[in-house]
Amino acid sequence: MTTIPTPSARTDAAAEALAPIIQMHDISISFPGVKALDSVSFRMFPGEVHSLMGENGAGKSTLIKALTGVYEIDSGTMTLAGETLSISTPAQAQAAGISTVYQEVNLLPNLSVAENIMLGREPRRLGTIDWRAMRARAAELLARLNLDIDPGSLLSSHSLAVQQLVAIARATDVDAKVLILDEPTSSLDADEVSELFRVIRNLKEQGVAILFVSHFLDQVYEISDRLTVLRNGSLVGEYLTRELLRIELVHKMIGKELATLESLESKTRAAAVEGAEVEVPYFEAVGLGRKGSVEPTDLAIREGEVVGLAGLLGSGRTEIARLITGADRPDSGESFVRGVRKRLRTPRVALRDRIAYSSEDRKREGIVEELSVRDNIVLALQADRGWFRRISRKRQDELAQSYISALGIRPANPDALVRNLSGGNQQKVLLARWLAVAPRLLVLDEPTRGIDVGAKAEIQKLVSNLAEEGMAVLFISAELEEVLRLSHRIAVMRDRRKVADLPNEDVTVGEIMGLIASGADA
């Protein structure tokens, strides 16, 4: 870990500037069955941008919620400007000078810019709101950030980027010492990101400590002075951004040993040759993209082929899967099924072309917990047939029993409520649902996340068998070894765009990590 010179080695003024504004020491937080944070230490310095890095489940959100009073810590200490800090509510955190701007702008679009900035803190005169003073104060805060915005204008008349800047102006009105920006660029284009970064640098010059949370490596390296990496609820280390190579950061986030990176030139040539084959892919995306979600992407998937989609969380993996399957609508590009142009406007439309999507959000977009195993299995097939062509109970029982047996769903009871099954068996029920509609392309987003090793191996074997039987599969996983084990071809995503598409011919985890971390396409 990068060490900081001791104050005794500097002048008093330099030492004062060197002291952390916020310090968390040996913080632990547990939930039933989960150690969310395990003796994690974290600090921020005035006038620095600090990025918190880690994959899904690393503990980033838990640490932020502890810092902002949403969660109470089980053990450990926190100090602000050298004073012991004890907070149990977001209001206490804000009063202490810790402000947060969330990914989803939490403002009121039907009010003016000034009203949003001063909401709850409106200046009053003779018992009523002093509108002139409110607009003047809002103008002062906007000017402090060099923002040329009319305080009296309606918030909804401005772009999302401007609304985010207004949220930052509001956050700084409470004499913020620490400003937390949670995924602030997720819905912004390049010009809007540049404007946001200008404001961040302005605040940095004013001595504000800024916590910048983002999955975009390019942005992290552009704006951050310091990085803290978490993995599985534990601290990996704190580093100066300029001293940590991107490939090293990816390694620390994922926790894999790096292999020697070989040249990918021959593999890239092989991929180009393969892409030039006469065989028409079952599905092909040409320039498929959505502003603020994923850049225009080309991707072909052939029958009998498993295409692995690799990349860090937030790289665009799920976003491209949702565009392919009609869960989200693209605003650029085209989709082709067996060479015929298609408009896959909804998942139901995609099902007509035998394209099925198993979401990574098993709880909200997958299983229906209140229904039985049988009802969950036949749900998509019934929707595809239409609700006026009911599947007979006999046929439902036959389908349920066949998939319970084929996939080894336990308990082997079609009347069991899905909510009472283990995560692995819930995932099998979800797979059974989509297999029941006889798809030709199956898009699986994190199908083995959060399930036990045995169930994971069974699902991996099933995917391999489906491809051998001629099904096209798009397989998304954060576990690079799993992607390499199952895929015939691998597409690599980084910062919302595809940076590589290569056959799985002796590709190593280190090579994939290199592509994820590098700034150049392969």
Protein backbone atom coordinates (compact mmCIF):
# COMPACT_ATOMS: atom_id res chain seq x y z
CA MET A 1 0.00 0.00 0.00
CA THR A 2 1.25 3.48 -0.80
CA THR A 3 2.43 5.17 2.36
CA ILE A 4 1.97 8.84 3.16
CA PRO A 5 4.91 10.86 4.55
CA THR A 6 4.54 11.54 8.26
CA PRO A 7 3.60 15.07 9.29
CA SER A 8 6.92 15.46 11.11
CA ALA A 9 8.65 15.34 7.76
CA ARG A 10 6.82 18.47 6.58
CA THR A 11 6.15 22.03 7.69
CA ASP A 12 3.17 22.57 10.04
CA ALA A 13 1.07 23.94 7.17
CA ALA A 14 1.87 20.98 4.94
CA ALA A 15 1.18 18.57 7.78
CA GLU A 16 -2.20 20.18 8.39
CA ALA A 17 -3.08 19.80 4.72
CA LEU A 18 -1.90 16.20 4.87
CA ALA A 19 -4.23 15.09 7.67
CA PRO A 20 -7.25 13.04 6.51
CA ILE A 21 -10.57 14.84 6.70
CA ILE A 22 -12.38 11.54 7.16
CA GLN A 23 -10.98 8.33 8.59
CA MET A 24 -12.68 4.98 9.09
CA HIS A 25 -10.72 2.43 11.10
CA ASP A 26 -11.43 -1.34 11.26
CA ILE A 27 -15.08 -0.96 10.26
CA SER A 28 -17.13 -4.17 10.34
CA ILE A 29 -20.78 -4.62 9.36
CA SER A 30 -22.63 -7.94 9.26
CA PHE A 31 -26.02 -8.99 7.99
CA PRO A 32 -27.63 -12.41 8.56
CA GLY A 33 -25.19 -14.90 7.03
CA VAL A 34 -23.07 -12.19 5.40
CA LYS A 35 -19.98 -10.26 6.53
CA ALA A 36 -20.48 -7.17 4.40
CA LEU A 37 -17.40 -5.32 5.72
CA ASP A 38 -14.59 -7.05 7.58
CA SER A 39 -12.27 -4.68 9.49
CA VAL A 40 -12.04 -2.21 6.61
CA SER A 41 -10.06 1.01 7.00
CA PHE A 42 -10.59 3.96 4.68
CA ARG A 43 -9.55 7.62 4.58
CA MET A 44 -10.04 10.72 2.45
CA PHE A 45 -7.95 13.89 2.21
CA PRO A 46 -9.10 17.48 1.59
CA GLY A 47 -8.77 18.60 -2.03
CA GLU A 48 -8.51 15.06 -3.38
CA VAL A 49 -10.73 12.91 -5.57
CA HIS A 50 -10.80 9.41 -4.15
CA SER A 51 -12.28 6.45 -6.08
CA LEU A 52 -13.74 3.40 -4.37
CA MET A 53 -13.21 0.34 -6.58
CA GLY A 54 -14.44 -3.23 -6.48
CA GLU A 55 -16.71 -5.68 -8.22
CA ASN A 56 -20.31 -6.43 -7.30
CA GLY A 57 -20.47 -7.55 -3.67
CA ALA A 58 -17.11 -6.03 -2.79
CA GLY A 59 -18.60 -3.83 -0.06
CA LYS A 60 -18.56 -0.40 -1.73
CA SER A 61 -22.23 0.37 -1.14
CA THR A 62 -22.05 -0.85 2.45
CA LEU A 63 -19.06 1.39 3.19
CA ILE A 64 -20.81 4.42 1.68
CA LYS A 65 -23.97 3.71 3.66
CA ALA A 66 -21.91 3.45 6.84
CA LEU A 67 -20.27 6.76 6.02
CA THR A 68 -23.61 8.45 5.35
CA GLY A 69 -25.50 7.07 8.37
CA VAL A 70 -27.75 4.64 6.48
CA TYR A 71 -26.12 1.66 8.23
CA GLU A 72 -24.82 1.56 11.78
CA ILE A 73 -21.40 -0.06 12.16
CA ASP A 74 -20.94 -3.18 14.30
CA SER A 75 -17.39 -2.29 15.29
CA GLY A 76 -14.64 0.18 14.43
CA THR A 77 -14.28 3.95 14.66
CA MET A 78 -14.81 6.98 12.44
CA THR A 79 -13.34 10.45 12.73
CA LEU A 80 -14.07 13.68 10.87
CA ALA A 81 -11.35 16.36 10.96
CA GLY A 82 -9.77 14.48 13.85
CA GLU A 83 -12.95 14.39 15.95
CA THR A 84 -14.78 11.14 16.75
CA LEU A 85 -17.76 10.78 14.44
CA SER A 86 -20.91 8.94 15.47
CA ILE A 87 -23.76 9.04 12.98
CA SER A 88 -26.87 6.94 12.74
CA THR A 89 -28.96 8.87 10.19
CA PRO A 90 -28.30 10.57 6.83
CA ALA A 91 -29.42 13.87 8.40
CA GLN A 92 -26.64 13.60 11.00
CA ALA A 93 -24.11 12.87 8.26
CA GLN A 94 -25.24 15.92 6.29
CA ALA A 95 -25.08 18.11 9.38
CA ALA A 96 -21.49 16.91 9.88
CA GLY A 97 -20.58 18.01 6.34
CA ILE A 98 -20.95 14.70 4.45
CA SER A 99 -23.15 15.14 1.37
CA THR A 100 -24.17 12.60 -1.24
CA VAL A 101 -25.34 12.91 -4.84
CA TYR A 102 -26.84 9.65 -6.03
CA GLN A 103 -26.92 8.08 -9.49
CA GLU A 104 -30.65 8.79 -9.78
CA VAL A 105 -31.11 12.54 -9.36
CA ASN A 106 -33.25 12.93 -6.26
CA LEU A 107 -34.75 16.33 -7.06
CA LEU A 108 -38.17 17.71 -7.98
CA PRO A 109 -38.40 18.48 -11.72
CA ASN A 110 -41.60 20.52 -11.30
CA LEU A 111 -39.80 23.11 -9.13
CA SER A 112 -37.26 25.76 -10.11
CA VAL A 113 -33.50 25.32 -9.89
CA ALA A 114 -33.40 27.67 -6.88
CA GLU A 115 -36.23 25.85 -5.10
CA ASN A 116 -34.44 22.53 -5.55
CA ILE A 117 -31.12 23.88 -4.28
CA MET A 118 -32.69 25.46 -1.19
CA LEU A 119 -35.45 22.89 -0.54
CA GLY A 120 -35.89 22.49 3.22
CA ARG A 121 -33.50 25.38 3.88
CA GLU A 122 -35.47 28.24 2.33
CA PRO A 123 -34.61 31.70 3.74
CA ARG A 124 -37.59 33.30 5.41
CA ARG A 125 -38.74 36.82 6.08
CA LEU A 126 -41.73 37.71 8.22
CA GLY A 127 -42.75 34.05 8.36
CA THR A 128 -42.80 33.49 4.58
CA ILE A 129 -40.22 32.37 2.04
CA ASP A 130 -37.93 35.16 0.91
CA TRP A 131 -37.90 34.34 -2.80
CA ARG A 132 -35.40 37.05 -3.70
CA ALA A 133 -32.93 35.85 -1.05
CA MET A 134 -33.45 32.24 -2.14
CA ARG A 135 -32.65 33.00 -5.79
CA ALA A 136 -29.64 35.09 -4.72
CA ARG A 137 -28.28 32.26 -2.56
CA ALA A 138 -28.85 29.72 -5.36
CA ALA A 139 -27.08 32.02 -7.83
CA GLU A 140 -24.16 32.31 -5.42
CA LEU A 141 -23.84 28.54 -5.12
CA LEU A 142 -24.06 28.06 -8.88
CA ALA A 143 -21.45 30.79 -9.44
CA ARG A 144 -19.13 29.07 -6.97
CA LEU A 145 -19.16 26.11 -9.37
CA ASN A 146 -18.88 28.38 -12.43
CA LEU A 147 -22.30 27.24 -13.63
CA ASP A 148 -24.27 29.62 -15.83
CA ILE A 149 -27.80 28.46 -14.97
CA ASP A 150 -30.86 30.64 -14.37
CA PRO A 151 -31.95 29.95 -10.75
CA GLY A 152 -35.55 30.73 -11.68
CA SER A 153 -35.72 28.22 -14.55
CA LEU A 154 -37.71 25.02 -14.18
CA LEU A 155 -35.45 22.06 -13.35
CA SER A 156 -37.22 19.81 -15.87
CA SER A 157 -36.20 22.19 -18.67
CA HIS A 158 -32.57 21.14 -18.21
CA SER A 159 -30.69 18.01 -19.28
CA LEU A 160 -29.96 15.21 -16.83
CA ALA A 161 -26.34 16.39 -16.67
CA VAL A 162 -27.38 19.90 -15.59
CA GLN A 163 -29.80 18.43 -13.05
CA GLN A 164 -26.89 16.44 -11.61
CA LEU A 165 -24.84 19.65 -11.33
CA VAL A 166 -27.77 21.31 -9.55
CA ALA A 167 -27.79 18.38 -7.12
CA ILE A 168 -24.08 19.01 -6.48
CA ALA A 169 -24.76 22.72 -5.90
CA ARG A 170 -27.43 21.74 -3.37
CA ALA A 171 -24.98 19.36 -1.67
CA THR A 172 -22.37 22.08 -1.28
CA ASP A 173 -24.82 24.46 0.43
CA VAL A 174 -24.32 22.65 3.74
CA ASP A 175 -20.60 23.50 3.92
CA ALA A 176 -19.73 20.05 2.63
CA LYS A 177 -16.35 18.73 3.71
CA VAL A 178 -16.93 15.39 2.00
CA LEU A 179 -18.93 14.99 -1.22
CA ILE A 180 -19.91 11.48 -2.35
CA LEU A 181 -20.75 11.07 -6.03
CA ASP A 182 -22.34 7.66 -6.63
CA GLU A 183 -22.12 6.67 -10.32
CA PRO A 184 -22.63 10.29 -11.44
CA THR A 185 -21.69 9.64 -15.08
CA SER A 186 -23.76 6.53 -15.77
CA SER A 187 -26.30 8.42 -17.93
CA LEU A 188 -24.09 11.19 -19.32
CA ASP A 189 -22.45 11.57 -22.73
CA ALA A 190 -18.82 12.58 -23.22
CA ASP A 191 -19.44 16.35 -23.26
CA GLU A 192 -21.60 16.15 -20.13
CA VAL A 193 -18.92 14.11 -18.36
CA SER A 194 -16.37 16.80 -19.22
CA GLU A 195 -18.58 19.48 -17.66
CA LEU A 196 -19.09 17.37 -14.54
CA PHE A 197 -15.33 16.84 -14.23
CA ARG A 198 -14.79 20.60 -14.51
CA VAL A 199 -17.11 21.11 -11.55
CA ILE A 200 -15.38 18.32 -9.60
CA ARG A 201 -11.99 19.96 -10.16
CA ASN A 202 -13.44 23.28 -9.06
CA LEU A 203 -14.67 21.73 -5.79
CA LYS A 204 -11.34 20.00 -5.35
CA GLU A 205 -9.55 23.37 -5.53
CA GLN A 206 -11.88 24.60 -2.78
CA GLY A 207 -10.60 21.81 -0.51
CA VAL A 208 -13.60 19.48 -0.69
CA ALA A 209 -12.79 15.75 -0.40
CA ILE A 210 -14.68 13.96 -3.17
CA LEU A 211 -15.52 10.27 -3.25
CA PHE A 212 -16.05 9.29 -6.89
CA VAL A 213 -17.72 5.92 -7.44
CA SER A 214 -17.70 4.64 -11.02
CA HIS A 215 -17.20 1.44 -12.99
CA PHE A 216 -15.60 3.31 -15.90
CA LEU A 217 -11.83 2.87 -15.67
CA ASP A 218 -11.04 5.67 -18.13
CA GLN A 219 -12.98 8.16 -16.00
CA VAL A 220 -11.48 6.90 -12.75
CA TYR A 221 -7.96 7.39 -14.09
CA GLU A 222 -8.82 10.80 -15.52
CA ILE A 223 -10.31 12.35 -12.38
CA SER A 224 -9.00 10.43 -9.34
CA ASP A 225 -5.95 11.15 -7.21
CA ARG A 226 -6.28 8.10 -5.01
CA LEU A 227 -7.92 4.66 -5.14
CA THR A 228 -9.16 2.26 -2.49
CA VAL A 229 -9.91 -1.29 -3.62
CA LEU A 230 -12.33 -3.61 -1.81
CA ARG A 231 -12.92 -7.29 -2.53
CA ASN A 232 -15.45 -9.58 -0.81
CA GLY A 233 -15.95 -7.11 2.04
CA SER A 234 -12.24 -6.76 2.78
CA LEU A 235 -9.69 -4.04 2.09
CA VAL A 236 -7.22 -4.88 -0.66
CA GLY A 237 -5.33 -1.60 -0.40
CA GLU A 238 -5.10 2.14 -0.96
CA TYR A 239 -3.05 3.43 -3.90
CA LEU A 240 -2.10 6.67 -5.66
CA THR A 241 -3.83 6.48 -9.03
CA ARG A 242 -0.76 7.58 -10.98
CA GLU A 243 1.26 4.72 -9.47
CA LEU A 244 -1.19 1.89 -10.17
CA LEU A 245 -1.32 0.39 -13.67
CA ARG A 246 -4.78 -0.42 -14.98
CA ILE A 247 -3.97 -4.10 -15.34
CA GLU A 248 -2.87 -4.14 -11.71
CA LEU A 249 -6.13 -2.49 -10.65
CA VAL A 250 -8.19 -5.10 -12.51
CA HIS A 251 -6.10 -7.84 -10.90
CA LYS A 252 -6.69 -6.42 -7.43
CA MET A 253 -10.44 -6.06 -8.03
CA ILE A 254 -10.90 -9.56 -9.41
CA GLY A 255 -8.23 -11.24 -7.29
CA LYS A 256 -6.62 -13.40 -9.96
CA GLU A 257 -2.97 -14.03 -10.59
CA LEU A 258 -1.82 -12.43 -13.82
CA ALA A 259 -0.41 -14.59 -16.58
CA THR A 260 2.22 -13.16 -18.89
CA LEU A 261 0.35 -11.15 -21.50
CA GLU A 262 0.97 -12.50 -24.98
CA SER A 263 0.37 -10.71 -28.24
CA LEU A 264 -3.25 -10.99 -29.35
CA GLU A 265 -2.49 -10.15 -32.97
CA SER A 266 -2.78 -13.72 -34.30
CA LYS A 267 -5.97 -14.35 -32.33
CA THR A 268 -7.50 -11.12 -33.62
CA ARG A 269 -6.68 -12.17 -37.21
CA ALA A 270 -8.27 -15.55 -36.53
CA ALA A 271 -11.38 -13.84 -35.21
CA ALA A 272 -11.60 -11.74 -38.37
CA VAL A 273 -11.31 -14.87 -40.53
CA GLU A 274 -13.99 -16.64 -38.49
CA GLY A 275 -16.25 -13.64 -38.82
CA ALA A 276 -15.84 -13.82 -42.58
CA GLU A 277 -17.31 -17.35 -42.80
CA VAL A 278 -20.21 -17.80 -45.20
CA GLU A 279 -22.45 -19.30 -42.48
CA VAL A 280 -25.23 -16.90 -41.54
CA PRO A 281 -25.34 -16.33 -37.76
CA TYR A 282 -28.58 -17.11 -35.99
CA PHE A 283 -28.44 -13.61 -34.53
CA GLU A 284 -26.41 -10.60 -35.56
CA ALA A 285 -26.32 -7.10 -34.10
CA VAL A 286 -24.95 -4.38 -36.36
CA GLY A 287 -24.19 -1.06 -34.64
CA LEU A 288 -26.72 -1.85 -31.91
CA GLY A 289 -26.53 0.81 -29.18
CA ARG A 290 -28.41 3.07 -26.80
CA LYS A 291 -27.27 6.52 -25.71
CA GLY A 292 -26.10 6.58 -22.12
CA SER A 293 -26.22 2.78 -21.99
CA VAL A 294 -23.87 1.14 -24.49
CA GLU A 295 -22.05 2.35 -27.60
CA PRO A 296 -22.96 0.92 -31.05
CA THR A 297 -21.92 -2.73 -31.02
CA ASP A 298 -21.49 -5.48 -33.61
CA LEU A 299 -22.01 -9.02 -32.33
CA ALA A 300 -22.78 -12.30 -34.10
CA ILE A 301 -23.91 -15.54 -32.45
CA ARG A 302 -24.09 -18.78 -34.43
CA GLU A 303 -26.13 -21.89 -33.75
CA GLY A 304 -24.18 -24.38 -31.67
CA GLU A 305 -21.92 -21.60 -30.37
CA VAL A 306 -21.47 -20.21 -26.87
CA VAL A 307 -20.34 -16.58 -27.03
CA GLY A 308 -18.97 -15.36 -23.71
CA LEU A 309 -19.38 -11.71 -22.80
CA ALA A 310 -16.59 -10.61 -20.45
CA GLY A 311 -16.00 -7.31 -18.68
CA LEU A 312 -16.17 -5.60 -15.33
CA LEU A 313 -19.45 -4.62 -13.70
CA GLY A 314 -20.79 -1.58 -15.57
CA SER A 315 -18.86 -2.36 -18.75
CA GLY A 316 -22.02 -2.74 -20.84
CA ARG A 317 -22.49 -6.52 -20.66
CA THR A 318 -26.06 -6.49 -19.36
CA GLU A 319 -26.97 -3.47 -21.46
CA ILE A 320 -26.11 -5.20 -24.75
CA ALA A 321 -27.97 -8.34 -23.62
CA ARG A 322 -31.10 -6.28 -22.93
CA LEU A 323 -30.91 -4.62 -26.37
CA ILE A 324 -30.50 -7.98 -28.11
CA THR A 325 -33.55 -9.45 -26.38
CA GLY A 326 -35.90 -6.47 -26.57
CA ALA A 327 -35.84 -5.72 -22.84
CA ASP A 328 -34.55 -2.24 -23.79
CA ARG A 329 -35.02 -0.48 -27.11
CA PRO A 330 -31.94 0.60 -29.07
CA ASP A 331 -31.67 4.05 -30.60
CA SER A 332 -29.08 2.96 -33.17
CA GLY A 333 -28.24 -0.11 -35.20
CA GLU A 334 -30.14 -3.14 -36.46
CA SER A 335 -30.81 -6.74 -35.47
CA PHE A 336 -30.87 -9.71 -37.84
CA VAL A 337 -32.24 -13.21 -37.20
CA ARG A 338 -30.91 -15.73 -39.72
CA GLY A 339 -30.06 -12.83 -42.00
CA VAL A 340 -33.50 -11.20 -41.87
CA ARG A 341 -33.80 -7.72 -40.33
CA LYS A 342 -35.96 -7.74 -37.21
CA ARG A 343 -37.37 -5.12 -34.82
CA LEU A 344 -37.22 -6.82 -31.45
CA ARG A 345 -39.19 -4.20 -29.55
CA THR A 346 -40.07 -6.32 -26.50
CA PRO A 347 -39.00 -9.65 -24.97
CA ARG A 348 -42.30 -11.13 -26.17
CA VAL A 349 -41.53 -10.08 -29.74
CA ALA A 350 -38.06 -11.60 -29.36
CA LEU A 351 -39.63 -14.86 -28.19
CA ARG A 352 -41.40 -15.16 -31.55
CA ASP A 353 -37.95 -15.54 -33.06
CA ARG A 354 -37.06 -18.01 -30.30
CA ILE A 355 -34.80 -15.58 -28.42
CA ALA A 356 -35.05 -15.94 -24.64
CA TYR A 357 -33.45 -13.81 -21.94
CA SER A 358 -32.64 -14.90 -18.39
CA SER A 359 -31.96 -11.72 -16.40
CA GLU A 360 -29.18 -11.35 -13.84
CA ASP A 361 -31.80 -10.01 -11.42
CA ARG A 362 -33.30 -13.38 -10.53
CA LYS A 363 -35.53 -11.95 -7.81
CA ARG A 364 -37.10 -8.96 -9.59
CA GLU A 365 -37.05 -9.99 -13.27
CA GLY A 366 -36.94 -13.79 -13.05
CA ILE A 367 -38.81 -16.05 -10.69
CA VAL A 368 -42.21 -15.19 -9.25
CA GLU A 369 -41.74 -16.13 -5.61
CA GLU A 370 -45.46 -16.45 -4.81
CA LEU A 371 -46.01 -19.07 -7.54
CA SER A 372 -45.22 -22.77 -7.54
CA VAL A 373 -42.40 -24.47 -9.40
CA ARG A 374 -44.91 -25.65 -12.01
CA ASP A 375 -46.39 -22.20 -12.56
CA ASN A 376 -42.95 -20.63 -12.91
CA ILE A 377 -41.83 -23.21 -15.46
CA VAL A 378 -44.85 -22.80 -17.77
CA LEU A 379 -45.10 -19.00 -17.38
CA ALA A 380 -43.18 -17.97 -20.52
CA LEU A 381 -44.72 -20.69 -22.65
CA GLN A 382 -48.22 -19.62 -21.62
CA ALA A 383 -47.39 -15.96 -22.34
CA ASP A 384 -46.05 -16.96 -25.76
CA ARG A 385 -49.25 -18.90 -26.58
CA GLY A 386 -51.50 -16.15 -25.29
CA TRP A 387 -53.69 -16.25 -22.18
CA PHE A 388 -56.78 -17.36 -24.13
CA ARG A 389 -55.05 -20.58 -25.22
CA ARG A 390 -54.56 -22.10 -21.81
CA ILE A 391 -52.09 -24.94 -21.38
CA SER A 392 -53.95 -27.88 -19.90
CA ARG A 393 -53.13 -28.95 -16.35
CA LYS A 394 -52.02 -32.34 -17.67
CA ARG A 395 -49.56 -30.71 -20.06
CA GLN A 396 -48.32 -28.38 -17.31
CA ASP A 397 -47.63 -31.39 -15.08
CA GLU A 398 -45.79 -33.17 -17.90
CA LEU A 399 -43.60 -30.14 -18.60
CA ALA A 400 -42.86 -29.50 -14.94
CA GLN A 401 -41.99 -33.12 -14.18
CA SER A 402 -39.77 -33.45 -17.26
CA TYR A 403 -37.69 -30.36 -16.39
CA ILE A 404 -37.60 -31.16 -12.67
CA SER A 405 -36.12 -34.51 -13.64
CA ALA A 406 -33.83 -33.26 -16.42
CA LEU A 407 -32.36 -30.39 -14.38
CA GLY A 408 -32.39 -32.11 -10.99
CA ILE A 409 -34.60 -29.47 -9.33
CA ARG A 410 -34.94 -30.10 -5.61
CA PRO A 411 -37.31 -30.65 -3.97
CA ALA A 412 -38.83 -32.58 -6.87
CA ASN A 413 -42.29 -31.20 -6.08
CA PRO A 414 -44.03 -29.10 -8.76
CA ASP A 415 -46.36 -27.65 -6.12
CA ALA A 416 -43.51 -26.29 -3.96
CA LEU A 417 -43.38 -22.49 -3.76
CA VAL A 418 -40.30 -21.18 -5.55
CA ARG A 419 -39.48 -18.81 -2.71
CA ASN A 420 -38.71 -21.84 -0.53
CA LEU A 421 -36.08 -23.23 -2.92
CA SER A 422 -32.34 -22.60 -2.70
CA GLY A 423 -30.77 -20.06 -5.05
CA GLY A 424 -29.34 -22.79 -7.25
CA ASN A 425 -32.70 -24.53 -7.61
CA GLN A 426 -34.45 -21.23 -8.29
CA GLN A 427 -31.98 -20.66 -11.11
CA LYS A 428 -32.75 -24.12 -12.50
CA VAL A 429 -36.48 -23.32 -12.45
CA LEU A 430 -35.75 -20.13 -14.36
CA LEU A 431 -33.72 -22.04 -16.95
CA ALA A 432 -36.53 -24.59 -17.25
CA ARG A 433 -38.96 -21.75 -18.00
CA TRP A 434 -36.92 -20.60 -20.98
CA LEU A 435 -36.07 -24.08 -22.23
CA ALA A 436 -39.81 -24.82 -22.30
CA VAL A 437 -40.28 -22.28 -25.11
CA ALA A 438 -37.63 -24.12 -27.20
CA PRO A 439 -35.36 -21.12 -27.84
CA ARG A 440 -32.76 -21.05 -30.58
CA LEU A 441 -30.82 -18.25 -28.85
CA LEU A 442 -30.60 -18.28 -25.06
CA VAL A 443 -29.14 -15.16 -23.39
CA LEU A 444 -27.93 -15.99 -19.87
CA ASP A 445 -26.88 -13.07 -17.68
CA GLU A 446 -24.96 -14.25 -14.58
CA PRO A 447 -26.83 -17.60 -14.40
CA THR A 448 -24.47 -19.01 -11.74
CA ARG A 449 -24.10 -15.99 -9.45
CA GLY A 450 -24.83 -16.67 -5.80
CA ILE A 451 -25.38 -20.42 -6.08
CA ASP A 452 -23.42 -23.32 -4.64
CA VAL A 453 -20.56 -25.07 -6.43
CA GLY A 454 -22.57 -28.20 -7.25
CA ALA A 455 -25.46 -26.30 -8.83
CA LYS A 456 -22.99 -24.11 -10.71
CA ALA A 457 -21.30 -27.14 -12.27
CA GLU A 458 -24.67 -28.59 -13.29
CA ILE A 459 -25.72 -25.35 -15.01
CA GLN A 460 -22.37 -25.07 -16.78
CA LYS A 461 -22.76 -28.63 -18.05
CA LEU A 462 -26.30 -27.84 -19.23
CA VAL A 463 -25.09 -24.81 -21.21
CA SER A 464 -22.42 -26.93 -22.88
CA ASN A 465 -24.96 -29.64 -23.77
CA LEU A 466 -27.42 -27.10 -25.20
CA ALA A 467 -24.73 -25.75 -27.53
CA GLU A 468 -23.82 -29.28 -28.64
CA GLU A 469 -27.47 -29.77 -29.57
CA GLY A 470 -27.35 -26.67 -31.79
CA MET A 471 -28.58 -23.87 -29.55
CA ALA A 472 -26.91 -20.44 -29.75
CA VAL A 473 -25.96 -19.12 -26.30
CA LEU A 474 -24.81 -15.71 -25.11
CA PHE A 475 -23.20 -16.32 -21.71
CA ILE A 476 -22.42 -13.42 -19.36
CA SER A 477 -20.41 -13.87 -16.19
CA ALA A 478 -18.11 -11.81 -13.98
CA GLU A 479 -16.03 -14.97 -13.42
CA LEU A 480 -13.51 -14.98 -16.24
CA GLU A 481 -12.57 -18.64 -15.72
CA GLU A 482 -16.22 -19.58 -16.23
CA VAL A 483 -16.40 -17.56 -19.45
CA LEU A 484 -13.22 -19.21 -20.73
CA ARG A 485 -14.38 -22.69 -19.71
CA LEU A 486 -17.70 -22.52 -21.59
CA SER A 487 -17.23 -20.20 -24.56
CA HIS A 488 -16.25 -20.90 -28.14
CA ARG A 489 -15.74 -17.18 -28.68
CA ILE A 490 -15.29 -14.26 -26.30
CA ALA A 491 -16.40 -10.65 -26.70
CA VAL A 492 -14.80 -8.24 -24.24
CA MET A 493 -16.60 -5.12 -23.02
CA ARG A 494 -14.97 -2.09 -21.42
CA ASP A 495 -16.54 1.27 -20.56
CA ARG A 496 -19.77 0.60 -22.51
CA ARG A 497 -18.13 -0.61 -25.71
CA LYS A 498 -16.84 -3.83 -27.22
CA VAL A 499 -13.04 -3.78 -27.37
CA ALA A 500 -12.32 -7.32 -28.57
CA ASP A 501 -13.98 -10.33 -30.20
CA LEU A 502 -11.76 -13.40 -30.44
CA PRO A 503 -11.97 -17.20 -30.66
CA ASN A 504 -11.27 -19.06 -27.44
CA GLU A 505 -8.02 -20.63 -28.61
CA ASP A 506 -5.66 -20.93 -25.64
CA VAL A 507 -6.81 -17.55 -24.33
CA THR A 508 -5.79 -16.93 -20.72
CA VAL A 509 -7.44 -15.02 -17.90
CA GLY A 510 -4.47 -12.65 -18.00
CA GLU A 511 -5.13 -11.82 -21.65
CA ILE A 512 -8.79 -11.05 -20.99
CA MET A 513 -7.85 -8.92 -18.01
CA GLY A 514 -5.34 -7.07 -20.18
CA LEU A 515 -8.06 -6.25 -22.72
CA ILE A 516 -10.43 -5.11 -19.98
CA ALA A 517 -7.76 -2.82 -18.55
CA SER A 518 -6.11 -1.52 -21.72
CA GLY A 519 -7.07 1.63 -23.54
CA ALA A 520 -6.76 0.18 -27.05
CA ASP A 521 -9.08 -2.11 -28.98
CA ALA A 522 -7.88 -5.55 -30.02
